[in-house]
């Protein structure tokens, strides 16, 4: 593979202290990375999405280089460098996140963030009793994937992952890691027309989108990602929630995000314009700005939006874009 393409956010990354660590959770190793000062006032525990690893969220973490914030980004079990779980279903990921939170000595002051599939894992864990000052959901999976306009595409994807698990090992891995298919996925999600950014995002997917432990992990995790969604847990999530949605997200549209926000007890919705399901790659600064504007980051304890939220059907930005 060619040399890595330099990140558009390299200046922030170069100034961000980074430490790679590992911890045992229920006897299995989780690899994680700490971005920022270990003595920072605010901690964010950030969970990446399906088929990714910690690299996907490091551009968001680097946006806090000039803030008193540290961001902890683990590799999900079975992805990147973390050991797989015996079964990679949602209940197992919830138990893992509870265990990781405890093993790292974190408390309710820790902000919990999830992107895409990570939004399901974090929302389910908070609904299961994990306490946090703020739950941040970036590109949240707000509605069922097996219903509505995405049903056919989801069915095709399920068949793809099942075939990858059923074929002989070499053929199955070849299918699941096929660079043409990975590139097609990347092209479908990427909305920016900026050439340098597009080259970097594609390179990120080429390098890290196939770093899974085995075929069973990727099949089970995908099944979990399409048979659950955040709305399933909305009535059980009572902590403040920041939804960072995207105007052009093909996986969950803005109207569905508004419906989810209205169901949550305390929700703020920010819609990032002109971007799709890759807010963490295309507009990490917009995500960081939305997080900074939330209550745990503000000395006066109020949202930057003067208490407006999405429960009345309006975006927290009152129609302005992040």
C-alpha atoms as a PDB file:
ATOM      1  CA  UNK A   1       0.000   0.000   0.000  1.00  0.00           C
ATOM      2  CA  UNK A   2       1.185   3.510  -0.774  1.00  0.00           C
ATOM      3  CA  UNK A   3       2.375   5.962   1.889  1.00  0.00           C
ATOM      4  CA  UNK A   4      -0.458   7.444   4.005  1.00  0.00           C
ATOM      5  CA  UNK A   5      -2.098  10.578   2.656  1.00  0.00           C
ATOM      6  CA  UNK A   6      -1.544  13.485   5.024  1.00  0.00           C
ATOM      7  CA  UNK A   7      -4.618  14.427   7.027  1.00  0.00           C
ATOM      8  CA  UNK A   8      -6.224  17.830   6.327  1.00  0.00           C
ATOM      9  CA  UNK A   9      -6.217  18.185  10.118  1.00  0.00           C
ATOM     10  CA  UNK A  10      -2.514  17.411  10.487  1.00  0.00           C
ATOM     11  CA  UNK A  11      -1.701  20.770  12.118  1.00  0.00           C
ATOM     12  CA  UNK A  12      -4.116  20.045  14.991  1.00  0.00           C
ATOM     13  CA  UNK A  13      -3.039  16.402  15.226  1.00  0.00           C
ATOM     14  CA  UNK A  14       0.638  17.366  15.379  1.00  0.00           C
ATOM     15  CA  UNK A  15      -0.023  19.575  18.402  1.00  0.00           C
ATOM     16  CA  UNK A  16      -2.186  17.028  20.212  1.00  0.00           C
ATOM     17  CA  UNK A  17      -0.494  14.786  22.782  1.00  0.00           C
ATOM     18  CA  UNK A  18      -1.420  11.143  22.060  1.00  0.00           C
ATOM     19  CA  UNK A  19      -0.792   8.076  24.201  1.00  0.00           C
ATOM     20  CA  UNK A  20      -1.612   4.493  23.228  1.00  0.00           C
ATOM     21  CA  UNK A  21      -2.680   2.266  26.108  1.00  0.00           C
ATOM     22  CA  UNK A  22      -4.495  -1.012  26.717  1.00  0.00           C
ATOM     23  CA  UNK A  23      -6.732  -2.362  29.463  1.00  0.00           C
ATOM     24  CA  UNK A  24      -8.332  -5.690  30.303  1.00  0.00           C
ATOM     25  CA  UNK A  25     -12.135  -5.721  30.237  1.00  0.00           C
ATOM     26  CA  UNK A  26     -13.593  -9.061  31.340  1.00  0.00           C
ATOM     27  CA  UNK A  27     -10.284 -10.724  30.543  1.00  0.00           C
ATOM     28  CA  UNK A  28     -10.002  -9.345  27.003  1.00  0.00           C
ATOM     29  CA  UNK A  29      -7.682  -6.578  25.868  1.00  0.00           C
ATOM     30  CA  UNK A  30      -9.105  -3.285  24.669  1.00  0.00           C
ATOM     31  CA  UNK A  31      -6.669  -0.986  22.906  1.00  0.00           C
ATOM     32  CA  UNK A  32      -7.351   2.709  23.395  1.00  0.00           C
ATOM     33  CA  UNK A  33      -5.795   6.069  22.648  1.00  0.00           C
ATOM     34  CA  UNK A  34      -5.781   9.176  24.844  1.00  0.00           C
ATOM     35  CA  UNK A  35      -5.720  12.514  22.989  1.00  0.00           C
ATOM     36  CA  UNK A  36      -4.880  15.624  25.000  1.00  0.00           C
ATOM     37  CA  UNK A  37      -3.552  16.142  28.509  1.00  0.00           C
ATOM     38  CA  UNK A  38      -4.200  13.288  30.976  1.00  0.00           C
ATOM     39  CA  UNK A  39      -4.914  15.985  33.580  1.00  0.00           C
ATOM     40  CA  UNK A  40      -7.565  17.772  31.514  1.00  0.00           C
ATOM     41  CA  UNK A  41     -10.658  19.094  33.303  1.00  0.00           C
ATOM     42  CA  UNK A  42     -13.085  17.386  30.894  1.00  0.00           C
ATOM     43  CA  UNK A  43     -12.943  13.831  29.558  1.00  0.00           C
ATOM     44  CA  UNK A  44     -14.749  12.476  26.500  1.00  0.00           C
ATOM     45  CA  UNK A  45     -15.077   8.720  25.979  1.00  0.00           C
ATOM     46  CA  UNK A  46     -15.681   8.294  22.240  1.00  0.00           C
ATOM     47  CA  UNK A  47     -16.923   5.120  20.504  1.00  0.00           C
ATOM     48  CA  UNK A  48     -16.391   4.752  16.751  1.00  0.00           C
ATOM     49  CA  UNK A  49     -18.700   3.205  14.183  1.00  0.00           C
ATOM     50  CA  UNK A  50     -19.006  -0.115  12.369  1.00  0.00           C
ATOM     51  CA  UNK A  51     -15.893  -1.456  10.599  1.00  0.00           C
ATOM     52  CA  UNK A  52     -13.780   1.491  11.741  1.00  0.00           C
ATOM     53  CA  UNK A  53     -11.287   1.892  14.544  1.00  0.00           C
ATOM     54  CA  UNK A  54      -9.964   4.754  16.676  1.00  0.00           C
ATOM     55  CA  UNK A  55      -8.533   6.580  13.655  1.00  0.00           C
ATOM     56  CA  UNK A  56     -12.032   7.619  12.619  1.00  0.00           C
ATOM     57  CA  UNK A  57     -12.493   9.855  15.657  1.00  0.00           C
ATOM     58  CA  UNK A  58      -9.004  11.246  16.106  1.00  0.00           C
ATOM     59  CA  UNK A  59      -9.770  14.262  13.873  1.00  0.00           C
ATOM     60  CA  UNK A  60     -12.600  15.211  16.246  1.00  0.00           C
ATOM     61  CA  UNK A  61     -10.344  14.640  19.264  1.00  0.00           C
ATOM     62  CA  UNK A  62      -7.664  16.877  17.744  1.00  0.00           C
ATOM     63  CA  UNK A  63     -10.109  19.785  17.504  1.00  0.00           C
ATOM     64  CA  UNK A  64      -9.864  20.111  21.307  1.00  0.00           C
ATOM     65  CA  UNK A  65      -6.091  20.645  21.305  1.00  0.00           C
ATOM     66  CA  UNK A  66      -6.488  24.182  22.688  1.00  0.00           C
ATOM     67  CA  UNK A  67      -9.190  23.193  25.189  1.00  0.00           C
ATOM     68  CA  UNK A  68      -8.827  21.601  28.609  1.00  0.00           C
ATOM     69  CA  UNK A  69     -10.154  18.306  27.223  1.00  0.00           C
ATOM     70  CA  UNK A  70      -8.845  14.775  26.858  1.00  0.00           C
ATOM     71  CA  UNK A  71     -10.555  12.323  24.522  1.00  0.00           C
ATOM     72  CA  UNK A  72     -10.310   8.579  25.061  1.00  0.00           C
ATOM     73  CA  UNK A  73     -10.959   6.555  21.901  1.00  0.00           C
ATOM     74  CA  UNK A  74     -10.943   2.749  22.140  1.00  0.00           C
ATOM     75  CA  UNK A  75     -11.018   0.279  19.293  1.00  0.00           C
ATOM     76  CA  UNK A  76     -14.328  -1.555  19.525  1.00  0.00           C
ATOM     77  CA  UNK A  77     -13.866  -5.230  20.475  1.00  0.00           C
ATOM     78  CA  UNK A  78     -13.083  -7.229  17.360  1.00  0.00           C
ATOM     79  CA  UNK A  79     -11.959  -4.177  15.401  1.00  0.00           C
ATOM     80  CA  UNK A  80      -8.587  -2.475  15.137  1.00  0.00           C
ATOM     81  CA  UNK A  81      -6.329  -3.942  17.810  1.00  0.00           C
ATOM     82  CA  UNK A  82      -8.942  -4.932  20.406  1.00  0.00           C
ATOM     83  CA  UNK A  83      -9.741  -8.549  21.197  1.00  0.00           C
ATOM     84  CA  UNK A  84     -13.113  -9.779  19.945  1.00  0.00           C
ATOM     85  CA  UNK A  85     -15.981 -10.638  22.254  1.00  0.00           C
ATOM     86  CA  UNK A  86     -17.326 -14.215  22.407  1.00  0.00           C
ATOM     87  CA  UNK A  87     -20.426 -12.931  20.613  1.00  0.00           C
ATOM     88  CA  UNK A  88     -20.490  -9.501  18.976  1.00  0.00           C
ATOM     89  CA  UNK A  89     -24.102  -8.583  19.661  1.00  0.00           C
ATOM     90  CA  UNK A  90     -25.406  -5.356  21.173  1.00  0.00           C
ATOM     91  CA  UNK A  91     -25.790  -6.772  24.691  1.00  0.00           C
ATOM     92  CA  UNK A  92     -22.133  -7.799  24.637  1.00  0.00           C
ATOM     93  CA  UNK A  93     -21.017  -4.348  23.455  1.00  0.00           C
ATOM     94  CA  UNK A  94     -23.088  -2.755  26.238  1.00  0.00           C
ATOM     95  CA  UNK A  95     -21.419  -4.969  28.861  1.00  0.00           C
ATOM     96  CA  UNK A  96     -18.038  -4.100  27.359  1.00  0.00           C
ATOM     97  CA  UNK A  97     -18.654  -0.347  27.497  1.00  0.00           C
ATOM     98  CA  UNK A  98     -19.818  -0.579  31.124  1.00  0.00           C
ATOM     99  CA  UNK A  99     -16.657  -2.548  31.899  1.00  0.00           C
ATOM    100  CA  UNK A 100     -14.357  -0.191  30.031  1.00  0.00           C
ATOM    101  CA  UNK A 101     -15.860   2.858  31.762  1.00  0.00           C
ATOM    102  CA  UNK A 102     -15.252   1.219  35.148  1.00  0.00           C
ATOM    103  CA  UNK A 103     -11.770  -0.090  34.276  1.00  0.00           C
ATOM    104  CA  UNK A 104     -10.640   3.408  33.282  1.00  0.00           C
ATOM    105  CA  UNK A 105     -11.964   4.875  36.526  1.00  0.00           C
ATOM    106  CA  UNK A 106     -14.364   7.234  34.767  1.00  0.00           C
ATOM    107  CA  UNK A 107     -17.381   8.839  36.437  1.00  0.00           C
ATOM    108  CA  UNK A 108     -20.579  10.672  35.466  1.00  0.00           C
ATOM    109  CA  UNK A 109     -18.616  13.818  34.599  1.00  0.00           C
ATOM    110  CA  UNK A 110     -17.195  11.958  31.591  1.00  0.00           C
ATOM    111  CA  UNK A 111     -18.940  12.902  28.362  1.00  0.00           C
ATOM    112  CA  UNK A 112     -19.880   9.815  26.323  1.00  0.00           C
ATOM    113  CA  UNK A 113     -19.803  10.123  22.511  1.00  0.00           C
ATOM    114  CA  UNK A 114     -20.781   7.655  19.821  1.00  0.00           C
ATOM    115  CA  UNK A 115     -20.604   7.889  16.040  1.00  0.00           C
ATOM    116  CA  UNK A 116     -22.964   5.868  13.804  1.00  0.00           C
ATOM    117  CA  UNK A 117     -23.004   2.296  15.212  1.00  0.00           C
ATOM    118  CA  UNK A 118     -21.251   3.820  18.212  1.00  0.00           C
ATOM    119  CA  UNK A 119     -24.382   5.940  18.736  1.00  0.00           C
ATOM    120  CA  UNK A 120     -26.390   2.729  19.211  1.00  0.00           C
ATOM    121  CA  UNK A 121     -23.815   1.214  21.579  1.00  0.00           C
ATOM    122  CA  UNK A 122     -23.539   4.347  23.723  1.00  0.00           C
ATOM    123  CA  UNK A 123     -27.282   5.055  23.806  1.00  0.00           C
ATOM    124  CA  UNK A 124     -28.021   1.446  24.783  1.00  0.00           C
ATOM    125  CA  UNK A 125     -25.391   1.587  27.541  1.00  0.00           C
ATOM    126  CA  UNK A 126     -26.717   4.874  28.942  1.00  0.00           C
ATOM    127  CA  UNK A 127     -30.240   3.412  28.820  1.00  0.00           C
ATOM    128  CA  UNK A 128     -28.817   0.454  30.771  1.00  0.00           C
ATOM    129  CA  UNK A 129     -27.648   2.736  33.570  1.00  0.00           C
ATOM    130  CA  UNK A 130     -24.310   4.254  32.555  1.00  0.00           C
ATOM    131  CA  UNK A 131     -24.467   7.778  33.964  1.00  0.00           C
ATOM    132  CA  UNK A 132     -22.992  10.714  32.082  1.00  0.00           C
ATOM    133  CA  UNK A 133     -23.195  14.484  32.118  1.00  0.00           C
ATOM    134  CA  UNK A 134     -23.789  14.456  28.360  1.00  0.00           C
ATOM    135  CA  UNK A 135     -24.404  11.867  25.657  1.00  0.00           C
ATOM    136  CA  UNK A 136     -23.172  13.060  22.249  1.00  0.00           C
ATOM    137  CA  UNK A 137     -24.461  11.186  19.205  1.00  0.00           C
ATOM    138  CA  UNK A 138     -22.710  12.022  15.928  1.00  0.00           C
ATOM    139  CA  UNK A 139     -24.568  10.845  12.796  1.00  0.00           C
ATOM    140  CA  UNK A 140     -26.887   8.889  15.092  1.00  0.00           C
ATOM    141  CA  UNK A 141     -28.772   5.887  13.739  1.00  0.00           C
ATOM    142  CA  UNK A 142     -32.128   7.370  14.649  1.00  0.00           C
ATOM    143  CA  UNK A 143     -34.530   4.977  12.900  1.00  0.00           C
ATOM    144  CA  UNK A 144     -34.740   1.266  12.019  1.00  0.00           C
ATOM    145  CA  UNK A 145     -32.652   0.239   9.002  1.00  0.00           C
ATOM    146  CA  UNK A 146     -34.952  -2.664   8.203  1.00  0.00           C
ATOM    147  CA  UNK A 147     -37.952  -0.420   7.616  1.00  0.00           C
ATOM    148  CA  UNK A 148     -38.716   2.361   5.149  1.00  0.00           C
ATOM    149  CA  UNK A 149     -36.635   3.442   2.145  1.00  0.00           C
ATOM    150  CA  UNK A 150     -33.395   1.817   3.352  1.00  0.00           C
ATOM    151  CA  UNK A 151     -34.901  -1.663   3.692  1.00  0.00           C
ATOM    152  CA  UNK A 152     -33.798  -2.931   0.255  1.00  0.00           C
ATOM    153  CA  UNK A 153     -30.244  -1.629   0.573  1.00  0.00           C
ATOM    154  CA  UNK A 154     -29.965  -3.061   4.076  1.00  0.00           C
ATOM    155  CA  UNK A 155     -31.164  -6.435   2.805  1.00  0.00           C
ATOM    156  CA  UNK A 156     -28.475  -6.447   0.114  1.00  0.00           C
ATOM    157  CA  UNK A 157     -25.830  -5.566   2.699  1.00  0.00           C
ATOM    158  CA  UNK A 158     -27.003  -8.371   4.993  1.00  0.00           C
ATOM    159  CA  UNK A 159     -26.679 -10.835   2.102  1.00  0.00           C
ATOM    160  CA  UNK A 160     -23.159  -9.533   1.403  1.00  0.00           C
ATOM    161  CA  UNK A 161     -21.989 -10.070   4.991  1.00  0.00           C
ATOM    162  CA  UNK A 162     -23.675 -13.465   5.204  1.00  0.00           C
ATOM    163  CA  UNK A 163     -21.954 -14.554   1.999  1.00  0.00           C
ATOM    164  CA  UNK A 164     -18.631 -13.313   3.346  1.00  0.00           C
ATOM    165  CA  UNK A 165     -19.099 -15.471   6.445  1.00  0.00           C
ATOM    166  CA  UNK A 166     -20.357 -18.533   4.502  1.00  0.00           C
ATOM    167  CA  UNK A 167     -17.706 -18.784   1.783  1.00  0.00           C
ATOM    168  CA  UNK A 168     -14.418 -20.609   2.405  1.00  0.00           C
ATOM    169  CA  UNK A 169     -12.185 -18.433   4.575  1.00  0.00           C
ATOM    170  CA  UNK A 170      -9.889 -17.046   1.880  1.00  0.00           C
ATOM    171  CA  UNK A 171     -12.764 -16.234  -0.467  1.00  0.00           C
ATOM    172  CA  UNK A 172     -14.909 -14.803   2.325  1.00  0.00           C
ATOM    173  CA  UNK A 173     -12.181 -12.516   3.617  1.00  0.00           C
ATOM    174  CA  UNK A 174     -11.380 -11.490   0.074  1.00  0.00           C
ATOM    175  CA  UNK A 175     -14.995 -10.472  -0.457  1.00  0.00           C
ATOM    176  CA  UNK A 176     -15.309  -8.599   2.833  1.00  0.00           C
ATOM    177  CA  UNK A 177     -12.001  -6.789   2.315  1.00  0.00           C
ATOM    178  CA  UNK A 178     -12.399  -6.223  -1.402  1.00  0.00           C
ATOM    179  CA  UNK A 179     -10.966  -2.787  -2.133  1.00  0.00           C
ATOM    180  CA  UNK A 180     -13.482  -2.062  -4.857  1.00  0.00           C
ATOM    181  CA  UNK A 181     -16.391  -2.690  -2.483  1.00  0.00           C
ATOM    182  CA  UNK A 182     -14.743  -0.664   0.278  1.00  0.00           C
ATOM    183  CA  UNK A 183     -14.228   2.201  -2.176  1.00  0.00           C
ATOM    184  CA  UNK A 184     -17.880   1.980  -3.271  1.00  0.00           C
ATOM    185  CA  UNK A 185     -18.948   2.301   0.386  1.00  0.00           C
ATOM    186  CA  UNK A 186     -16.641   5.279   0.816  1.00  0.00           C
ATOM    187  CA  UNK A 187     -17.951   6.990  -2.312  1.00  0.00           C
ATOM    188  CA  UNK A 188     -21.544   6.482  -1.197  1.00  0.00           C
ATOM    189  CA  UNK A 189     -20.967   8.194   2.149  1.00  0.00           C
ATOM    190  CA  UNK A 190     -18.579  10.992   1.139  1.00  0.00           C
ATOM    191  CA  UNK A 191     -20.261  14.255   0.105  1.00  0.00           C
ATOM    192  CA  UNK A 192     -17.382  16.735  -0.065  1.00  0.00           C
ATOM    193  CA  UNK A 193     -16.117  17.696  -3.524  1.00  0.00           C
ATOM    194  CA  UNK A 194     -12.751  18.929  -2.193  1.00  0.00           C
ATOM    195  CA  UNK A 195     -10.113  16.705  -3.884  1.00  0.00           C
ATOM    196  CA  UNK A 196      -7.576  16.619  -1.063  1.00  0.00           C
ATOM    197  CA  UNK A 197     -10.206  15.719   1.537  1.00  0.00           C
ATOM    198  CA  UNK A 198     -11.712  13.051  -0.720  1.00  0.00           C
ATOM    199  CA  UNK A 199      -8.332  11.395  -1.293  1.00  0.00           C
ATOM    200  CA  UNK A 200      -7.646  11.334   2.457  1.00  0.00           C
ATOM    201  CA  UNK A 201     -11.059   9.902   3.404  1.00  0.00           C
ATOM    202  CA  UNK A 202     -10.750   7.152   0.798  1.00  0.00           C
ATOM    203  CA  UNK A 203      -7.253   6.370   2.091  1.00  0.00           C
ATOM    204  CA  UNK A 204      -8.586   6.153   5.656  1.00  0.00           C
ATOM    205  CA  UNK A 205     -11.224   3.656   4.583  1.00  0.00           C
ATOM    206  CA  UNK A 206      -8.690   1.673   2.532  1.00  0.00           C
ATOM    207  CA  UNK A 207      -6.397   1.393   5.564  1.00  0.00           C
ATOM    208  CA  UNK A 208      -8.763   0.877   8.465  1.00  0.00           C
ATOM    209  CA  UNK A 209     -12.172  -0.275   7.194  1.00  0.00           C
ATOM    210  CA  UNK A 210     -11.104  -3.918   7.018  1.00  0.00           C
ATOM    211  CA  UNK A 211      -9.251  -4.178  10.334  1.00  0.00           C
ATOM    212  CA  UNK A 212     -11.620  -6.700  11.912  1.00  0.00           C
ATOM    213  CA  UNK A 213     -10.590  -9.797  13.830  1.00  0.00           C
ATOM    214  CA  UNK A 214     -12.529 -12.356  11.830  1.00  0.00           C
ATOM    215  CA  UNK A 215     -15.568 -12.858   9.606  1.00  0.00           C
ATOM    216  CA  UNK A 216     -17.943 -13.753  12.433  1.00  0.00           C
ATOM    217  CA  UNK A 217     -17.188 -10.477  14.226  1.00  0.00           C
ATOM    218  CA  UNK A 218     -18.024  -8.338  11.219  1.00  0.00           C
ATOM    219  CA  UNK A 219     -21.201 -10.309  10.431  1.00  0.00           C
ATOM    220  CA  UNK A 220     -22.489 -10.173  14.023  1.00  0.00           C
ATOM    221  CA  UNK A 221     -21.595  -6.517  14.477  1.00  0.00           C
ATOM    222  CA  UNK A 222     -23.310  -5.605  11.223  1.00  0.00           C
ATOM    223  CA  UNK A 223     -26.401  -7.539  12.267  1.00  0.00           C
ATOM    224  CA  UNK A 224     -26.405  -5.589  15.552  1.00  0.00           C
ATOM    225  CA  UNK A 225     -26.048  -2.312  13.671  1.00  0.00           C
ATOM    226  CA  UNK A 226     -29.098  -2.890  11.469  1.00  0.00           C
ATOM    227  CA  UNK A 227     -31.415  -4.599  13.960  1.00  0.00           C
ATOM    228  CA  UNK A 228     -31.117  -1.825  16.549  1.00  0.00           C
ATOM    229  CA  UNK A 229     -31.277   1.964  16.499  1.00  0.00           C
ATOM    230  CA  UNK A 230     -31.161   4.811  19.006  1.00  0.00           C
ATOM    231  CA  UNK A 231     -34.929   5.342  19.013  1.00  0.00           C
ATOM    232  CA  UNK A 232     -35.269   1.918  20.642  1.00  0.00           C
ATOM    233  CA  UNK A 233     -33.710   3.390  23.790  1.00  0.00           C
ATOM    234  CA  UNK A 234     -35.067   6.941  23.652  1.00  0.00           C
ATOM    235  CA  UNK A 235     -37.572   6.526  26.497  1.00  0.00           C
ATOM    236  CA  UNK A 236     -34.857   5.178  28.820  1.00  0.00           C
ATOM    237  CA  UNK A 237     -32.266   7.898  28.178  1.00  0.00           C
ATOM    238  CA  UNK A 238     -32.833  10.681  30.709  1.00  0.00           C
ATOM    239  CA  UNK A 239     -29.440  12.426  30.575  1.00  0.00           C
ATOM    240  CA  UNK A 240     -28.861  15.459  28.311  1.00  0.00           C
ATOM    241  CA  UNK A 241     -28.274  14.389  24.711  1.00  0.00           C
ATOM    242  CA  UNK A 242     -26.570  16.333  21.919  1.00  0.00           C
ATOM    243  CA  UNK A 243     -27.499  15.059  18.460  1.00  0.00           C
ATOM    244  CA  UNK A 244     -25.066  16.113  15.732  1.00  0.00           C
ATOM    245  CA  UNK A 245     -26.872  15.234  12.531  1.00  0.00           C
ATOM    246  CA  UNK A 246     -25.988  15.888   8.888  1.00  0.00           C
ATOM    247  CA  UNK A 247     -28.066  17.566   6.218  1.00  0.00           C
ATOM    248  CA  UNK A 248     -27.212  14.954   3.556  1.00  0.00           C
ATOM    249  CA  UNK A 249     -26.959  11.791   5.653  1.00  0.00           C
ATOM    250  CA  UNK A 250     -28.287   8.918   3.521  1.00  0.00           C
ATOM    251  CA  UNK A 251     -28.438   6.537   6.493  1.00  0.00           C
ATOM    252  CA  UNK A 252     -30.694   8.632   8.744  1.00  0.00           C
ATOM    253  CA  UNK A 253     -32.406  11.709   7.315  1.00  0.00           C
ATOM    254  CA  UNK A 254     -32.892  14.945   9.251  1.00  0.00           C
ATOM    255  CA  UNK A 255     -36.680  14.482   9.717  1.00  0.00           C
ATOM    256  CA  UNK A 256     -35.966  11.185  11.484  1.00  0.00           C
ATOM    257  CA  UNK A 257     -33.390  12.926  13.671  1.00  0.00           C
ATOM    258  CA  UNK A 258     -36.027  15.489  14.655  1.00  0.00           C
ATOM    259  CA  UNK A 259     -38.448  12.715  15.591  1.00  0.00           C
ATOM    260  CA  UNK A 260     -35.777  11.096  17.760  1.00  0.00           C
ATOM    261  CA  UNK A 261     -34.914  14.406  19.425  1.00  0.00           C
ATOM    262  CA  UNK A 262     -38.565  14.995  20.263  1.00  0.00           C
ATOM    263  CA  UNK A 263     -38.735  11.636  22.051  1.00  0.00           C
ATOM    264  CA  UNK A 264     -35.689  12.256  24.221  1.00  0.00           C
ATOM    265  CA  UNK A 265     -36.179  13.850  27.627  1.00  0.00           C
ATOM    266  CA  UNK A 266     -33.485  16.515  27.164  1.00  0.00           C
ATOM    267  CA  UNK A 267     -32.189  16.816  23.593  1.00  0.00           C
ATOM    268  CA  UNK A 268     -30.392  19.407  21.521  1.00  0.00           C
ATOM    269  CA  UNK A 269     -30.188  18.877  17.765  1.00  0.00           C
ATOM    270  CA  UNK A 270     -27.500  20.472  15.603  1.00  0.00           C
ATOM    271  CA  UNK A 271     -27.636  19.891  11.845  1.00  0.00           C
ATOM    272  CA  UNK A 272     -24.357  20.266   9.940  1.00  0.00           C
ATOM    273  CA  UNK A 273     -24.978  21.495   6.378  1.00  0.00           C
ATOM    274  CA  UNK A 274     -23.646  19.978   3.164  1.00  0.00           C
ATOM    275  CA  UNK A 275     -22.282  16.791   4.752  1.00  0.00           C
ATOM    276  CA  UNK A 276     -23.460  13.199   5.022  1.00  0.00           C
ATOM    277  CA  UNK A 277     -22.611  10.270   7.280  1.00  0.00           C
ATOM    278  CA  UNK A 278     -18.955  11.275   7.675  1.00  0.00           C
ATOM    279  CA  UNK A 279     -19.186  14.343   9.917  1.00  0.00           C
ATOM    280  CA  UNK A 280     -16.171  13.015  11.849  1.00  0.00           C
ATOM    281  CA  UNK A 281     -14.058  13.091   8.677  1.00  0.00           C
ATOM    282  CA  UNK A 282     -15.522  15.967   6.667  1.00  0.00           C
ATOM    283  CA  UNK A 283     -16.451  18.525   9.342  1.00  0.00           C
ATOM    284  CA  UNK A 284     -14.856  17.577  12.690  1.00  0.00           C
ATOM    285  CA  UNK A 285     -14.582  21.256  13.657  1.00  0.00           C
ATOM    286  CA  UNK A 286     -18.364  21.647  13.387  1.00  0.00           C
ATOM    287  CA  UNK A 287     -18.829  18.636  15.671  1.00  0.00           C
ATOM    288  CA  UNK A 288     -16.339  20.034  18.177  1.00  0.00           C
ATOM    289  CA  UNK A 289     -18.019  23.455  18.123  1.00  0.00           C
ATOM    290  CA  UNK A 290     -21.386  21.869  18.897  1.00  0.00           C
ATOM    291  CA  UNK A 291     -19.869  19.948  21.813  1.00  0.00           C
ATOM    292  CA  UNK A 292     -18.167  23.079  23.193  1.00  0.00           C
ATOM    293  CA  UNK A 293     -21.509  24.880  23.133  1.00  0.00           C
ATOM    294  CA  UNK A 294     -23.163  22.223  25.319  1.00  0.00           C
ATOM    295  CA  UNK A 295     -23.749  22.619  29.041  1.00  0.00           C
ATOM    296  CA  UNK A 296     -20.853  20.551  30.476  1.00  0.00           C
ATOM    297  CA  UNK A 297     -18.379  22.725  28.550  1.00  0.00           C
ATOM    298  CA  UNK A 298     -19.856  26.111  29.461  1.00  0.00           C
ATOM    299  CA  UNK A 299     -19.056  27.895  32.680  1.00  0.00           C
ATOM    300  CA  UNK A 300     -22.598  29.260  32.999  1.00  0.00           C
ATOM    301  CA  UNK A 301     -24.079  25.768  32.670  1.00  0.00           C
ATOM    302  CA  UNK A 302     -26.434  26.764  29.831  1.00  0.00           C
ATOM    303  CA  UNK A 303     -26.493  25.708  26.209  1.00  0.00           C
ATOM    304  CA  UNK A 304     -25.197  28.211  23.689  1.00  0.00           C
ATOM    305  CA  UNK A 305     -28.631  28.055  22.147  1.00  0.00           C
ATOM    306  CA  UNK A 306     -30.180  29.675  25.242  1.00  0.00           C
ATOM    307  CA  UNK A 307     -31.976  26.498  26.224  1.00  0.00           C
ATOM    308  CA  UNK A 308     -33.625  25.828  22.855  1.00  0.00           C
ATOM    309  CA  UNK A 309     -33.789  22.193  21.916  1.00  0.00           C
ATOM    310  CA  UNK A 310     -35.221  19.993  19.234  1.00  0.00           C
ATOM    311  CA  UNK A 311     -38.277  18.877  21.150  1.00  0.00           C
ATOM    312  CA  UNK A 312     -40.364  21.622  19.597  1.00  0.00           C
ATOM    313  CA  UNK A 313     -39.442  20.459  16.097  1.00  0.00           C
ATOM    314  CA  UNK A 314     -36.847  23.189  15.511  1.00  0.00           C
ATOM    315  CA  UNK A 315     -33.099  22.712  15.430  1.00  0.00           C
ATOM    316  CA  UNK A 316     -31.207  23.964  18.462  1.00  0.00           C
ATOM    317  CA  UNK A 317     -29.500  26.453  16.185  1.00  0.00           C
ATOM    318  CA  UNK A 318     -32.872  28.041  15.393  1.00  0.00           C
ATOM    319  CA  UNK A 319     -32.381  27.440  11.697  1.00  0.00           C
ATOM    320  CA  UNK A 320     -28.692  28.359  11.479  1.00  0.00           C
ATOM    321  CA  UNK A 321     -26.100  25.780  10.538  1.00  0.00           C
ATOM    322  CA  UNK A 322     -23.217  24.650  12.680  1.00  0.00           C
END
